[in-house]
């Protein structure tokens, strides 16, 4: 399964990032969540900062606007994921270029739609 890091996770009901964490977990994915505040989404703890233990990370899925992503550029590149998903509203040409320069696939898509189509 594709270990996934959700950046911009929120435990607030109605947040798409919350739904993504739940749906990823429901689909059997190993999920790590980073958000602005420590909390929980189901059985997943939301961590803050830049947690370091992430062996075999496959995907980073973003729920942060481009301005808030800047603090994560170096962190994401150091994690060496295979791909980054830019969910609607998170599109960022600067980070996409940086990812391509580091041989990381980028995708402008909705994680929830990809899951629902079996295309994740």
N, C-alpha and C. Protein backbone atom coordinates (compact mmCIF):
# COMPACT_ATOMS: atom_id res chain seq x y z
N UNK A 1 0.83 -1.19 0.00
CA UNK A 1 0.00 0.00 0.00
C UNK A 1 0.87 1.25 0.00
N UNK A 2 0.34 2.31 -0.57
CA UNK A 2 1.07 3.55 -0.70
C UNK A 2 0.98 4.38 0.58
N UNK A 3 2.07 4.41 1.35
CA UNK A 3 2.09 5.21 2.57
C UNK A 3 1.92 6.67 2.16
N UNK A 4 0.97 7.34 2.80
CA UNK A 4 0.60 8.69 2.41
C UNK A 4 0.74 9.67 3.57
N UNK A 5 1.34 10.80 3.27
CA UNK A 5 1.43 11.91 4.22
C UNK A 5 0.44 12.98 3.78
N UNK A 6 -0.49 13.32 4.67
CA UNK A 6 -1.45 14.38 4.42
C UNK A 6 -0.94 15.63 5.14
N UNK A 7 -0.60 16.65 4.37
CA UNK A 7 -0.12 17.91 4.96
C UNK A 7 -1.26 18.92 4.86
N UNK A 8 -1.62 19.47 6.03
CA UNK A 8 -2.74 20.39 6.11
C UNK A 8 -3.97 19.70 6.68
N UNK A 9 -3.76 18.61 7.41
CA UNK A 9 -4.86 17.84 7.98
C UNK A 9 -5.56 18.64 9.08
N UNK A 10 -6.88 18.49 9.13
CA UNK A 10 -7.70 19.13 10.15
C UNK A 10 -8.73 18.13 10.66
N UNK A 11 -8.98 18.17 11.95
CA UNK A 11 -9.99 17.27 12.54
C UNK A 11 -11.39 17.87 12.49
N UNK A 12 -11.51 19.10 11.99
CA UNK A 12 -12.81 19.77 11.97
C UNK A 12 -13.76 19.09 10.98
N UNK A 13 -14.97 18.75 11.43
CA UNK A 13 -15.95 18.15 10.52
C UNK A 13 -16.19 19.07 9.32
N UNK A 14 -16.36 18.46 8.17
CA UNK A 14 -16.59 19.23 6.95
C UNK A 14 -15.33 19.59 6.19
N UNK A 15 -14.17 19.41 6.78
CA UNK A 15 -12.91 19.70 6.09
C UNK A 15 -12.56 18.55 5.15
N UNK A 16 -12.17 18.90 3.95
CA UNK A 16 -11.84 17.88 2.96
C UNK A 16 -10.63 17.07 3.42
N UNK A 17 -9.68 17.72 4.07
CA UNK A 17 -8.49 16.99 4.54
C UNK A 17 -8.88 15.92 5.56
N UNK A 18 -9.84 16.20 6.40
CA UNK A 18 -10.33 15.21 7.38
C UNK A 18 -10.93 14.02 6.64
N UNK A 19 -11.77 14.30 5.67
CA UNK A 19 -12.39 13.24 4.88
C UNK A 19 -11.34 12.41 4.15
N UNK A 20 -10.32 13.07 3.63
CA UNK A 20 -9.26 12.35 2.92
C UNK A 20 -8.53 11.39 3.86
N UNK A 21 -8.21 11.84 5.06
CA UNK A 21 -7.53 10.96 6.03
C UNK A 21 -8.41 9.74 6.32
N UNK A 22 -9.69 9.98 6.56
CA UNK A 22 -10.60 8.88 6.87
C UNK A 22 -10.75 7.91 5.70
N UNK A 23 -10.89 8.44 4.49
CA UNK A 23 -11.07 7.59 3.31
C UNK A 23 -9.80 6.81 2.97
N UNK A 24 -8.64 7.46 3.13
CA UNK A 24 -7.38 6.76 2.90
C UNK A 24 -7.23 5.58 3.87
N UNK A 25 -7.54 5.85 5.14
CA UNK A 25 -7.44 4.81 6.17
C UNK A 25 -8.44 3.68 5.89
N UNK A 26 -9.66 4.08 5.52
CA UNK A 26 -10.71 3.10 5.21
C UNK A 26 -10.29 2.20 4.04
N UNK A 27 -9.55 2.77 3.10
CA UNK A 27 -9.07 2.02 1.94
C UNK A 27 -7.84 1.17 2.26
N UNK A 28 -7.36 1.27 3.50
CA UNK A 28 -6.24 0.43 3.92
C UNK A 28 -4.86 1.05 3.82
N UNK A 29 -4.80 2.33 3.50
CA UNK A 29 -3.50 2.99 3.37
C UNK A 29 -2.93 3.34 4.74
N UNK A 30 -1.61 3.31 4.84
CA UNK A 30 -0.90 3.80 6.02
C UNK A 30 -0.87 5.31 5.89
N UNK A 31 -1.47 6.03 6.85
CA UNK A 31 -1.63 7.47 6.75
C UNK A 31 -0.91 8.17 7.89
N UNK A 32 -0.20 9.23 7.52
CA UNK A 32 0.43 10.12 8.49
C UNK A 32 -0.18 11.50 8.23
N UNK A 33 -0.56 12.18 9.30
CA UNK A 33 -1.21 13.48 9.14
C UNK A 33 -0.43 14.57 9.85
N UNK A 34 -0.23 15.68 9.16
CA UNK A 34 0.40 16.87 9.74
C UNK A 34 -0.60 18.01 9.61
N UNK A 35 -0.76 18.72 10.71
CA UNK A 35 -1.68 19.86 10.71
C UNK A 35 -1.17 20.97 11.60
N UNK A 36 -1.97 22.00 11.73
CA UNK A 36 -1.59 23.16 12.53
C UNK A 36 -1.69 22.87 14.03
N UNK A 37 -2.56 21.92 14.40
CA UNK A 37 -2.78 21.60 15.81
C UNK A 37 -2.78 20.09 16.00
N UNK A 38 -2.21 19.65 17.12
CA UNK A 38 -2.26 18.24 17.45
C UNK A 38 -3.70 17.86 17.75
N UNK A 39 -4.12 16.72 17.23
CA UNK A 39 -5.49 16.25 17.43
C UNK A 39 -5.55 14.83 16.88
N UNK A 40 -6.74 14.32 16.67
CA UNK A 40 -6.91 12.99 16.09
C UNK A 40 -8.02 13.03 15.05
N UNK A 41 -7.85 12.20 14.04
CA UNK A 41 -8.89 11.93 13.05
C UNK A 41 -9.04 10.42 13.07
N UNK A 42 -10.12 9.94 13.66
CA UNK A 42 -10.26 8.50 13.84
C UNK A 42 -9.10 7.98 14.67
N UNK A 43 -8.37 7.00 14.14
CA UNK A 43 -7.23 6.46 14.88
C UNK A 43 -5.90 7.09 14.46
N UNK A 44 -5.97 8.14 13.65
CA UNK A 44 -4.75 8.81 13.16
C UNK A 44 -4.49 10.07 13.99
N UNK A 45 -3.30 10.17 14.55
CA UNK A 45 -2.91 11.37 15.29
C UNK A 45 -2.43 12.43 14.30
N UNK A 46 -2.91 13.65 14.49
CA UNK A 46 -2.40 14.77 13.70
C UNK A 46 -1.18 15.29 14.43
N UNK A 47 -0.06 15.29 13.72
CA UNK A 47 1.20 15.79 14.27
C UNK A 47 1.42 17.22 13.78
N UNK A 48 2.26 17.94 14.46
CA UNK A 48 2.63 19.28 14.02
C UNK A 48 4.11 19.27 13.64
N UNK A 49 4.53 20.32 12.97
CA UNK A 49 5.94 20.45 12.62
C UNK A 49 6.33 19.58 11.44
N UNK A 50 7.52 19.00 11.56
CA UNK A 50 8.10 18.19 10.48
C UNK A 50 8.56 16.85 11.03
N UNK A 51 7.63 15.93 11.31
CA UNK A 51 8.03 14.61 11.84
C UNK A 51 9.00 13.90 10.90
N UNK A 52 9.97 13.20 11.45
CA UNK A 52 11.03 12.65 10.61
C UNK A 52 10.90 11.17 10.26
N UNK A 53 10.20 10.38 11.02
CA UNK A 53 10.16 8.94 10.78
C UNK A 53 9.14 8.59 9.71
N UNK A 54 9.61 8.49 8.46
CA UNK A 54 8.70 8.18 7.36
C UNK A 54 9.37 7.31 6.32
N UNK A 55 9.72 6.11 6.68
CA UNK A 55 10.30 5.18 5.72
C UNK A 55 9.25 4.79 4.69
N UNK A 56 9.67 4.56 3.47
CA UNK A 56 8.80 4.08 2.40
C UNK A 56 7.61 4.99 2.10
N UNK A 57 7.79 6.28 2.24
CA UNK A 57 6.71 7.23 1.93
C UNK A 57 6.49 7.24 0.43
N UNK A 58 5.26 7.03 0.01
CA UNK A 58 4.94 7.03 -1.41
C UNK A 58 4.39 8.37 -1.87
N UNK A 59 3.38 8.89 -1.15
CA UNK A 59 2.64 10.05 -1.62
C UNK A 59 2.52 11.12 -0.54
N UNK A 60 2.69 12.37 -0.96
CA UNK A 60 2.33 13.52 -0.13
C UNK A 60 1.11 14.14 -0.80
N UNK A 61 0.03 14.30 -0.05
CA UNK A 61 -1.15 14.96 -0.58
C UNK A 61 -1.36 16.25 0.20
N UNK A 62 -1.47 17.35 -0.53
CA UNK A 62 -1.46 18.68 0.06
C UNK A 62 -2.84 19.28 0.25
N UNK A 63 -3.05 19.86 1.42
CA UNK A 63 -4.26 20.62 1.74
C UNK A 63 -3.87 21.96 2.35
N UNK A 64 -2.82 22.56 1.81
CA UNK A 64 -2.34 23.88 2.24
C UNK A 64 -2.28 24.78 1.03
N UNK A 65 -2.63 26.05 1.21
CA UNK A 65 -2.50 26.97 0.08
C UNK A 65 -1.01 27.18 -0.22
N UNK A 66 -0.69 27.62 -1.43
CA UNK A 66 0.72 27.74 -1.84
C UNK A 66 1.59 28.57 -0.90
N UNK A 67 1.05 29.64 -0.32
CA UNK A 67 1.86 30.46 0.60
C UNK A 67 2.27 29.66 1.84
N UNK A 68 1.39 28.83 2.34
CA UNK A 68 1.69 28.04 3.54
C UNK A 68 2.57 26.83 3.23
N UNK A 69 2.68 26.47 1.95
CA UNK A 69 3.52 25.34 1.55
C UNK A 69 5.01 25.65 1.62
N UNK A 70 5.36 26.92 1.53
CA UNK A 70 6.77 27.32 1.47
C UNK A 70 7.58 26.70 2.61
N UNK A 71 7.02 26.68 3.81
CA UNK A 71 7.73 26.12 4.97
C UNK A 71 7.98 24.62 4.84
N UNK A 72 7.35 23.98 3.88
CA UNK A 72 7.46 22.53 3.72
C UNK A 72 8.30 22.11 2.52
N UNK A 73 8.76 23.03 1.70
CA UNK A 73 9.51 22.68 0.49
C UNK A 73 10.69 21.74 0.80
N UNK A 74 11.60 22.19 1.64
CA UNK A 74 12.79 21.38 1.96
C UNK A 74 12.40 20.08 2.63
N UNK A 75 11.43 20.15 3.51
CA UNK A 75 10.97 18.96 4.23
C UNK A 75 10.45 17.90 3.26
N UNK A 76 9.58 18.30 2.35
CA UNK A 76 9.02 17.35 1.39
C UNK A 76 10.12 16.76 0.51
N UNK A 77 11.03 17.60 0.05
CA UNK A 77 12.12 17.10 -0.81
C UNK A 77 12.98 16.10 -0.04
N UNK A 78 13.23 16.35 1.24
CA UNK A 78 14.05 15.44 2.05
C UNK A 78 13.36 14.10 2.27
N UNK A 79 12.03 14.09 2.29
CA UNK A 79 11.29 12.84 2.47
C UNK A 79 11.35 11.95 1.24
N UNK A 80 11.62 12.54 0.08
CA UNK A 80 11.74 11.82 -1.18
C UNK A 80 10.51 10.95 -1.50
N UNK A 81 9.32 11.56 -1.50
CA UNK A 81 8.15 10.78 -1.88
C UNK A 81 8.20 10.46 -3.37
N UNK A 82 7.42 9.50 -3.80
CA UNK A 82 7.35 9.20 -5.23
C UNK A 82 6.45 10.20 -5.95
N UNK A 83 5.44 10.73 -5.23
CA UNK A 83 4.58 11.73 -5.88
C UNK A 83 4.00 12.70 -4.87
N UNK A 84 3.58 13.84 -5.41
CA UNK A 84 2.88 14.87 -4.64
C UNK A 84 1.56 15.12 -5.35
N UNK A 85 0.47 15.07 -4.59
CA UNK A 85 -0.84 15.39 -5.14
C UNK A 85 -1.20 16.80 -4.68
N UNK A 86 -1.48 17.67 -5.66
CA UNK A 86 -1.93 19.02 -5.39
C UNK A 86 -3.46 19.02 -5.51
N UNK A 87 -4.12 18.98 -4.36
CA UNK A 87 -5.58 19.00 -4.35
C UNK A 87 -6.07 20.37 -4.79
N UNK A 88 -7.35 20.49 -5.21
CA UNK A 88 -7.87 21.78 -5.66
C UNK A 88 -7.59 22.90 -4.65
N UNK A 89 -7.04 24.00 -5.15
CA UNK A 89 -6.69 25.14 -4.31
C UNK A 89 -5.27 25.12 -3.80
N UNK A 90 -4.54 24.03 -4.06
CA UNK A 90 -3.16 23.92 -3.57
C UNK A 90 -2.14 23.97 -4.70
N UNK A 91 -2.59 24.17 -5.92
CA UNK A 91 -1.70 24.19 -7.07
C UNK A 91 -0.57 25.19 -6.85
N UNK A 92 0.66 24.76 -7.16
CA UNK A 92 1.82 25.58 -6.85
C UNK A 92 2.94 25.29 -7.86
N UNK A 93 3.08 26.15 -8.88
CA UNK A 93 4.09 25.92 -9.91
C UNK A 93 5.52 25.85 -9.36
N UNK A 94 5.80 26.59 -8.31
CA UNK A 94 7.16 26.60 -7.73
C UNK A 94 7.47 25.23 -7.13
N UNK A 95 6.56 24.71 -6.32
CA UNK A 95 6.78 23.41 -5.70
C UNK A 95 6.74 22.28 -6.75
N UNK A 96 5.89 22.41 -7.74
CA UNK A 96 5.85 21.41 -8.81
C UNK A 96 7.20 21.35 -9.54
N UNK A 97 7.76 22.49 -9.85
CA UNK A 97 9.06 22.54 -10.53
C UNK A 97 10.14 21.92 -9.66
N UNK A 98 10.15 22.27 -8.39
CA UNK A 98 11.12 21.73 -7.44
C UNK A 98 10.99 20.20 -7.37
N UNK A 99 9.77 19.73 -7.34
CA UNK A 99 9.54 18.29 -7.29
C UNK A 99 10.08 17.60 -8.54
N UNK A 100 9.76 18.16 -9.70
CA UNK A 100 10.24 17.55 -10.95
C UNK A 100 11.77 17.52 -10.99
N UNK A 101 12.42 18.58 -10.50
CA UNK A 101 13.88 18.63 -10.45
C UNK A 101 14.44 17.55 -9.53
N UNK A 102 13.61 17.06 -8.61
CA UNK A 102 14.02 16.01 -7.67
C UNK A 102 13.41 14.66 -8.03
N UNK A 103 12.97 14.53 -9.29
CA UNK A 103 12.40 13.27 -9.80
C UNK A 103 11.20 12.78 -9.00
N UNK A 104 10.36 13.73 -8.58
CA UNK A 104 9.13 13.41 -7.87
C UNK A 104 7.97 13.72 -8.81
N UNK A 105 7.12 12.74 -9.02
CA UNK A 105 5.94 12.92 -9.86
C UNK A 105 4.98 13.90 -9.18
N UNK A 106 4.33 14.74 -9.97
CA UNK A 106 3.32 15.64 -9.43
C UNK A 106 1.99 15.39 -10.14
N UNK A 107 0.92 15.64 -9.42
CA UNK A 107 -0.40 15.42 -9.97
C UNK A 107 -1.35 16.46 -9.40
N UNK A 108 -2.04 17.18 -10.27
CA UNK A 108 -3.09 18.09 -9.84
C UNK A 108 -4.38 17.31 -9.89
N UNK A 109 -4.86 16.90 -8.72
CA UNK A 109 -6.01 16.02 -8.65
C UNK A 109 -6.63 16.13 -7.26
N UNK A 110 -7.76 15.50 -7.11
CA UNK A 110 -8.43 15.43 -5.81
C UNK A 110 -8.24 14.02 -5.25
N UNK A 111 -7.64 13.92 -4.10
CA UNK A 111 -7.40 12.62 -3.47
C UNK A 111 -8.70 11.84 -3.32
N UNK A 112 -9.78 12.52 -2.92
CA UNK A 112 -11.06 11.84 -2.72
C UNK A 112 -11.59 11.27 -4.04
N UNK A 113 -11.44 12.01 -5.11
CA UNK A 113 -11.90 11.53 -6.42
C UNK A 113 -11.04 10.34 -6.86
N UNK A 114 -9.73 10.46 -6.72
CA UNK A 114 -8.85 9.35 -7.09
C UNK A 114 -9.23 8.08 -6.33
N UNK A 115 -9.50 8.21 -5.04
CA UNK A 115 -9.90 7.05 -4.23
C UNK A 115 -11.22 6.48 -4.72
N UNK A 116 -12.18 7.35 -5.01
CA UNK A 116 -13.51 6.88 -5.42
C UNK A 116 -13.47 6.16 -6.77
N UNK A 117 -12.51 6.54 -7.62
CA UNK A 117 -12.37 5.93 -8.94
C UNK A 117 -11.46 4.69 -8.92
N UNK A 118 -10.85 4.43 -7.79
CA UNK A 118 -9.89 3.34 -7.73
C UNK A 118 -8.60 3.66 -8.44
N UNK A 119 -8.31 4.95 -8.59
CA UNK A 119 -7.14 5.41 -9.34
C UNK A 119 -6.06 6.00 -8.44
N UNK A 120 -6.16 5.77 -7.15
CA UNK A 120 -5.20 6.37 -6.24
C UNK A 120 -3.87 5.65 -6.35
